[in-house]
Amino acid sequence: MEEQNKNQNLENQQQTNNQAPIPPQKNKSGLMFILILVIALLAVVTVLYINQRQTTDEIETALTAEKDSLQTHLMDLRNEYDELMTDNDSLNAQLNDEKEKIDDLLAEIKTVKATNYAKIKSLQNELGTLRAVAKSYVRQIDSLNTMNQALVAENILVKNEIQQVTKTKVELEEKNKDLS
């Protein structure tokens, strides 16, 4: 029986030797593969991050330029409103109201961050509205100036007629005096 046990132990040992553990070489190649995969993944993530950051920087730069442009246009429009003074008190009051709106927008745009696209777009729309109002005021002022010129011309004609009538009256009064 002892010999049988020895034979069985020997067979078990041979079977164990046949199922030898994974050589360290295979373990190292698996780890190396995982390490290379992690490094490649990190490289891809880094490239994506850099691209995203560049895109974000480009957008922010464009929005900053848009904000600066909007601010410049508002200041130009404010100057245009300053030049639109007229003798009409009602129209001057409206012009002053619009100037206050522009001043409010200028103050607001200074506080807006360049990354706030929605607010910049909203301010651009308000600028467009103010430009349309300014054009309307220019048309009204032109119309009033045209009417004023016509009234001035008519006034001159009426004054000339009055002078002529007065002159004729004086002449007739003198003739009448001479005849009497």
C-alpha atoms as a PDB file:
ATOM      1  CA  MET A   1       0.000   0.000   0.000  1.00  0.00           C
ATOM      2  CA  GLU A   2       2.843   2.281   0.710  1.00  0.00           C
ATOM      3  CA  GLU A   3       4.096   1.732  -2.721  1.00  0.00           C
ATOM      4  CA  GLN A   4       0.692   2.472  -4.101  1.00  0.00           C
ATOM      5  CA  ASN A   5       0.593   5.761  -2.170  1.00  0.00           C
ATOM      6  CA  LYS A   6       4.009   6.654  -3.483  1.00  0.00           C
ATOM      7  CA  ASN A   7       2.892   5.927  -7.020  1.00  0.00           C
ATOM      8  CA  GLN A   8      -0.226   7.978  -6.513  1.00  0.00           C
ATOM      9  CA  ASN A   9       1.807  10.857  -5.048  1.00  0.00           C
ATOM     10  CA  LEU A  10       4.151  10.599  -7.969  1.00  0.00           C
ATOM     11  CA  GLU A  11       1.230  10.741 -10.417  1.00  0.00           C
ATOM     12  CA  ASN A  12      -0.251  13.720  -8.585  1.00  0.00           C
ATOM     13  CA  GLN A  13       3.092  15.444  -8.760  1.00  0.00           C
ATOM     14  CA  GLN A  14       3.367  14.797 -12.467  1.00  0.00           C
ATOM     15  CA  GLN A  15      -0.144  16.104 -13.032  1.00  0.00           C
ATOM     16  CA  THR A  16       0.683  19.165 -10.978  1.00  0.00           C
ATOM     17  CA  ASN A  17       3.850  19.628 -12.988  1.00  0.00           C
ATOM     18  CA  ASN A  18       1.823  19.336 -16.204  1.00  0.00           C
ATOM     19  CA  GLN A  19      -0.502  22.091 -14.938  1.00  0.00           C
ATOM     20  CA  ALA A  20       2.332  24.361 -14.077  1.00  0.00           C
ATOM     21  CA  PRO A  21       1.457  27.885 -12.899  1.00  0.00           C
ATOM     22  CA  ILE A  22       1.369  30.643 -15.515  1.00  0.00           C
ATOM     23  CA  PRO A  23       4.882  31.619 -16.161  1.00  0.00           C
ATOM     24  CA  PRO A  24       5.821  35.099 -14.949  1.00  0.00           C
ATOM     25  CA  GLN A  25       6.399  36.141 -18.592  1.00  0.00           C
ATOM     26  CA  LYS A  26       2.651  35.897 -19.408  1.00  0.00           C
ATOM     27  CA  ASN A  27       1.784  37.856 -16.261  1.00  0.00           C
ATOM     28  CA  LYS A  28       4.193  40.625 -17.247  1.00  0.00           C
ATOM     29  CA  SER A  29       2.841  40.867 -20.793  1.00  0.00           C
ATOM     30  CA  GLY A  30      -0.745  41.203 -19.463  1.00  0.00           C
ATOM     31  CA  LEU A  31       0.306  43.957 -17.093  1.00  0.00           C
ATOM     32  CA  MET A  32       2.258  45.633 -19.865  1.00  0.00           C
ATOM     33  CA  PHE A  33      -0.823  45.530 -22.125  1.00  0.00           C
ATOM     34  CA  ILE A  34      -2.990  47.100 -19.398  1.00  0.00           C
ATOM     35  CA  LEU A  35      -0.332  49.739 -18.718  1.00  0.00           C
ATOM     36  CA  ILE A  36      -0.098  50.624 -22.428  1.00  0.00           C
ATOM     37  CA  LEU A  37      -3.900  50.755 -22.614  1.00  0.00           C
ATOM     38  CA  VAL A  38      -4.064  53.116 -19.614  1.00  0.00           C
ATOM     39  CA  ILE A  39      -1.324  55.338 -21.084  1.00  0.00           C
ATOM     40  CA  ALA A  40      -3.124  55.447 -24.456  1.00  0.00           C
ATOM     41  CA  LEU A  41      -6.389  56.281 -22.712  1.00  0.00           C
ATOM     42  CA  LEU A  42      -4.692  59.078 -20.764  1.00  0.00           C
ATOM     43  CA  ALA A  43      -3.186  60.430 -23.989  1.00  0.00           C
ATOM     44  CA  VAL A  44      -6.601  60.446 -25.700  1.00  0.00           C
ATOM     45  CA  VAL A  45      -8.243  62.145 -22.708  1.00  0.00           C
ATOM     46  CA  THR A  46      -5.441  64.736 -22.609  1.00  0.00           C
ATOM     47  CA  VAL A  47      -5.817  65.500 -26.330  1.00  0.00           C
ATOM     48  CA  LEU A  48      -9.597  65.796 -25.956  1.00  0.00           C
ATOM     49  CA  TYR A  49      -9.182  68.097 -22.953  1.00  0.00           C
ATOM     50  CA  ILE A  50      -6.711  70.321 -24.800  1.00  0.00           C
ATOM     51  CA  ASN A  51      -9.017  70.511 -27.845  1.00  0.00           C
ATOM     52  CA  GLN A  52     -11.997  71.342 -25.638  1.00  0.00           C
ATOM     53  CA  ARG A  53     -10.005  74.005 -23.810  1.00  0.00           C
ATOM     54  CA  GLN A  54      -8.874  75.571 -27.114  1.00  0.00           C
ATOM     55  CA  THR A  55     -12.454  75.596 -28.374  1.00  0.00           C
ATOM     56  CA  THR A  56     -13.635  77.172 -25.141  1.00  0.00           C
ATOM     57  CA  ASP A  57     -10.890  79.797 -25.342  1.00  0.00           C
ATOM     58  CA  GLU A  58     -11.814  80.589 -28.965  1.00  0.00           C
ATOM     59  CA  ILE A  59     -15.486  80.957 -28.058  1.00  0.00           C
ATOM     60  CA  GLU A  60     -14.630  83.144 -25.081  1.00  0.00           C
ATOM     61  CA  THR A  61     -12.391  85.310 -27.269  1.00  0.00           C
ATOM     62  CA  ALA A  62     -15.161  85.665 -29.858  1.00  0.00           C
ATOM     63  CA  LEU A  63     -17.690  86.573 -27.171  1.00  0.00           C
ATOM     64  CA  THR A  64     -15.298  89.102 -25.657  1.00  0.00           C
ATOM     65  CA  ALA A  65     -14.856  90.678 -29.089  1.00  0.00           C
ATOM     66  CA  GLU A  66     -18.636  90.679 -29.540  1.00  0.00           C
ATOM     67  CA  LYS A  67     -19.073  92.321 -26.135  1.00  0.00           C
ATOM     68  CA  ASP A  68     -16.479  94.986 -26.979  1.00  0.00           C
ATOM     69  CA  SER A  69     -18.124  95.590 -30.348  1.00  0.00           C
ATOM     70  CA  LEU A  70     -21.515  95.915 -28.680  1.00  0.00           C
ATOM     71  CA  GLN A  71     -20.115  98.395 -26.190  1.00  0.00           C
ATOM     72  CA  THR A  72     -18.575 100.446 -29.016  1.00  0.00           C
ATOM     73  CA  HIS A  73     -21.848 100.445 -30.962  1.00  0.00           C
ATOM     74  CA  LEU A  74     -23.752 101.561 -27.877  1.00  0.00           C
ATOM     75  CA  MET A  75     -21.323 104.435 -27.310  1.00  0.00           C
ATOM     76  CA  ASP A  76     -21.618 105.433 -30.987  1.00  0.00           C
ATOM     77  CA  LEU A  77     -25.401 105.329 -30.726  1.00  0.00           C
ATOM     78  CA  ARG A  78     -25.235 107.448 -27.563  1.00  0.00           C
ATOM     79  CA  ASN A  79     -23.189 110.025 -29.477  1.00  0.00           C
ATOM     80  CA  GLU A  80     -25.738 109.969 -32.307  1.00  0.00           C
ATOM     81  CA  TYR A  81     -28.501 110.665 -29.803  1.00  0.00           C
ATOM     82  CA  ASP A  82     -26.478 113.580 -28.421  1.00  0.00           C
ATOM     83  CA  GLU A  83     -26.439 115.091 -31.923  1.00  0.00           C
ATOM     84  CA  LEU A  84     -30.203 114.669 -32.403  1.00  0.00           C
ATOM     85  CA  MET A  85     -31.257 117.658 -30.307  1.00  0.00           C
ATOM     86  CA  THR A  86     -34.205 119.601 -31.646  1.00  0.00           C
ATOM     87  CA  ASP A  87     -36.420 122.539 -30.680  1.00  0.00           C
ATOM     88  CA  ASN A  88     -39.347 120.204 -30.035  1.00  0.00           C
ATOM     89  CA  ASP A  89     -39.578 119.679 -26.249  1.00  0.00           C
ATOM     90  CA  SER A  90     -41.618 116.496 -26.550  1.00  0.00           C
ATOM     91  CA  LEU A  91     -39.126 114.941 -28.930  1.00  0.00           C
ATOM     92  CA  ASN A  92     -36.230 116.066 -26.720  1.00  0.00           C
ATOM     93  CA  ALA A  93     -37.842 114.313 -23.751  1.00  0.00           C
ATOM     94  CA  GLN A  94     -38.129 111.111 -25.783  1.00  0.00           C
ATOM     95  CA  LEU A  95     -34.514 111.448 -26.899  1.00  0.00           C
ATOM     96  CA  ASN A  96     -33.407 111.865 -23.286  1.00  0.00           C
ATOM     97  CA  ASP A  97     -35.361 108.735 -22.303  1.00  0.00           C
ATOM     98  CA  GLU A  98     -33.597 106.777 -25.027  1.00  0.00           C
ATOM     99  CA  LYS A  99     -30.217 108.155 -23.939  1.00  0.00           C
ATOM    100  CA  GLU A 100     -30.929 106.913 -20.416  1.00  0.00           C
ATOM    101  CA  LYS A 101     -31.733 103.463 -21.808  1.00  0.00           C
ATOM    102  CA  ILE A 102     -28.418 103.450 -23.658  1.00  0.00           C
ATOM    103  CA  ASP A 103     -26.587 104.525 -20.508  1.00  0.00           C
ATOM    104  CA  ASP A 104     -28.274 101.686 -18.591  1.00  0.00           C
ATOM    105  CA  LEU A 105     -27.252  99.201 -21.286  1.00  0.00           C
ATOM    106  CA  LEU A 106     -23.675 100.477 -21.215  1.00  0.00           C
ATOM    107  CA  ALA A 107     -23.558 100.013 -17.447  1.00  0.00           C
ATOM    108  CA  GLU A 108     -25.073  96.547 -17.794  1.00  0.00           C
ATOM    109  CA  ILE A 109     -22.675  95.401 -20.505  1.00  0.00           C
ATOM    110  CA  LYS A 110     -19.714  96.359 -18.350  1.00  0.00           C
ATOM    111  CA  THR A 111     -20.913  93.883 -15.711  1.00  0.00           C
ATOM    112  CA  VAL A 112     -21.737  91.051 -18.143  1.00  0.00           C
ATOM    113  CA  LYS A 113     -19.163  88.298 -18.332  1.00  0.00           C
ATOM    114  CA  ALA A 114     -17.862  87.564 -21.801  1.00  0.00           C
ATOM    115  CA  THR A 115     -18.990  83.944 -21.436  1.00  0.00           C
ATOM    116  CA  ASN A 116     -22.660  84.910 -21.031  1.00  0.00           C
ATOM    117  CA  TYR A 117     -23.725  84.420 -24.647  1.00  0.00           C
ATOM    118  CA  ALA A 118     -27.447  84.728 -23.935  1.00  0.00           C
ATOM    119  CA  LYS A 119     -27.074  88.088 -22.208  1.00  0.00           C
ATOM    120  CA  ILE A 120     -24.806  89.439 -24.950  1.00  0.00           C
ATOM    121  CA  LYS A 121     -27.372  88.323 -27.549  1.00  0.00           C
ATOM    122  CA  SER A 122     -30.130  90.029 -25.549  1.00  0.00           C
ATOM    123  CA  LEU A 123     -28.114  93.243 -25.396  1.00  0.00           C
ATOM    124  CA  GLN A 124     -27.503  93.049 -29.154  1.00  0.00           C
ATOM    125  CA  ASN A 125     -31.256  92.805 -29.706  1.00  0.00           C
ATOM    126  CA  GLU A 126     -31.812  95.848 -27.489  1.00  0.00           C
ATOM    127  CA  LEU A 127     -29.141  97.703 -29.463  1.00  0.00           C
ATOM    128  CA  GLY A 128     -31.015  96.865 -32.662  1.00  0.00           C
ATOM    129  CA  THR A 129     -34.218  98.212 -31.142  1.00  0.00           C
ATOM    130  CA  LEU A 130     -32.489 101.410 -30.053  1.00  0.00           C
ATOM    131  CA  ARG A 131     -31.028 101.852 -33.544  1.00  0.00           C
ATOM    132  CA  ALA A 132     -34.509 101.498 -35.040  1.00  0.00           C
ATOM    133  CA  VAL A 133     -35.845 104.073 -32.580  1.00  0.00           C
ATOM    134  CA  ALA A 134     -32.960 106.402 -33.449  1.00  0.00           C
ATOM    135  CA  LYS A 135     -33.784 106.079 -37.156  1.00  0.00           C
ATOM    136  CA  SER A 136     -37.398 106.884 -36.345  1.00  0.00           C
ATOM    137  CA  TYR A 137     -36.302 109.998 -34.464  1.00  0.00           C
ATOM    138  CA  VAL A 138     -34.055 111.037 -37.340  1.00  0.00           C
ATOM    139  CA  ARG A 139     -37.021 110.731 -39.718  1.00  0.00           C
ATOM    140  CA  GLN A 140     -39.217 112.730 -37.325  1.00  0.00           C
ATOM    141  CA  ILE A 141     -36.579 115.424 -36.936  1.00  0.00           C
ATOM    142  CA  ASP A 142     -36.072 115.569 -40.721  1.00  0.00           C
ATOM    143  CA  SER A 143     -39.818 115.816 -41.205  1.00  0.00           C
ATOM    144  CA  LEU A 144     -40.065 118.564 -38.584  1.00  0.00           C
ATOM    145  CA  ASN A 145     -37.146 120.411 -40.177  1.00  0.00           C
ATOM    146  CA  THR A 146     -38.788 120.172 -43.601  1.00  0.00           C
ATOM    147  CA  MET A 147     -42.071 121.440 -42.174  1.00  0.00           C
ATOM    148  CA  ASN A 148     -40.207 124.185 -40.327  1.00  0.00           C
ATOM    149  CA  GLN A 149     -38.469 125.286 -43.530  1.00  0.00           C
ATOM    150  CA  ALA A 150     -41.822 125.369 -45.318  1.00  0.00           C
ATOM    151  CA  LEU A 151     -43.323 127.407 -42.485  1.00  0.00           C
ATOM    152  CA  VAL A 152     -40.359 129.792 -42.487  1.00  0.00           C
ATOM    153  CA  ALA A 153     -40.757 130.283 -46.245  1.00  0.00           C
ATOM    154  CA  GLU A 154     -44.499 130.817 -45.830  1.00  0.00           C
ATOM    155  CA  ASN A 155     -43.837 133.247 -42.980  1.00  0.00           C
ATOM    156  CA  ILE A 156     -41.484 135.260 -45.193  1.00  0.00           C
ATOM    157  CA  LEU A 157     -44.129 135.383 -47.942  1.00  0.00           C
ATOM    158  CA  VAL A 158     -46.798 136.497 -45.487  1.00  0.00           C
ATOM    159  CA  LYS A 159     -44.488 139.165 -44.049  1.00  0.00           C
ATOM    160  CA  ASN A 160     -43.721 140.397 -47.580  1.00  0.00           C
ATOM    161  CA  GLU A 161     -47.436 140.512 -48.369  1.00  0.00           C
ATOM    162  CA  ILE A 162     -48.108 142.391 -45.134  1.00  0.00           C
ATOM    163  CA  GLN A 163     -45.368 144.867 -46.004  1.00  0.00           C
ATOM    164  CA  GLN A 164     -46.814 145.273 -49.482  1.00  0.00           C
ATOM    165  CA  VAL A 165     -50.332 145.755 -48.125  1.00  0.00           C
ATOM    166  CA  THR A 166     -49.057 148.198 -45.506  1.00  0.00           C
ATOM    167  CA  LYS A 167     -47.137 150.118 -48.161  1.00  0.00           C
ATOM    168  CA  THR A 168     -50.206 150.211 -50.414  1.00  0.00           C
ATOM    169  CA  LYS A 169     -52.357 151.351 -47.484  1.00  0.00           C
ATOM    170  CA  VAL A 170     -49.953 154.163 -46.644  1.00  0.00           C
ATOM    171  CA  GLU A 171     -49.872 155.252 -50.303  1.00  0.00           C
ATOM    172  CA  LEU A 172     -53.664 155.189 -50.513  1.00  0.00           C
ATOM    173  CA  GLU A 173     -53.987 157.144 -47.285  1.00  0.00           C
ATOM    174  CA  GLU A 174     -51.623 159.789 -48.665  1.00  0.00           C
ATOM    175  CA  LYS A 175     -53.577 159.976 -51.945  1.00  0.00           C
ATOM    176  CA  ASN A 176     -56.791 160.184 -50.017  1.00  0.00           C
ATOM    177  CA  LYS A 177     -55.342 162.997 -47.905  1.00  0.00           C
ATOM    178  CA  ASP A 178     -54.203 164.818 -51.026  1.00  0.00           C
ATOM    179  CA  LEU A 179     -57.638 164.485 -52.593  1.00  0.00           C
ATOM    180  CA  SER A 180     -59.412 165.805 -49.578  1.00  0.00           C
END
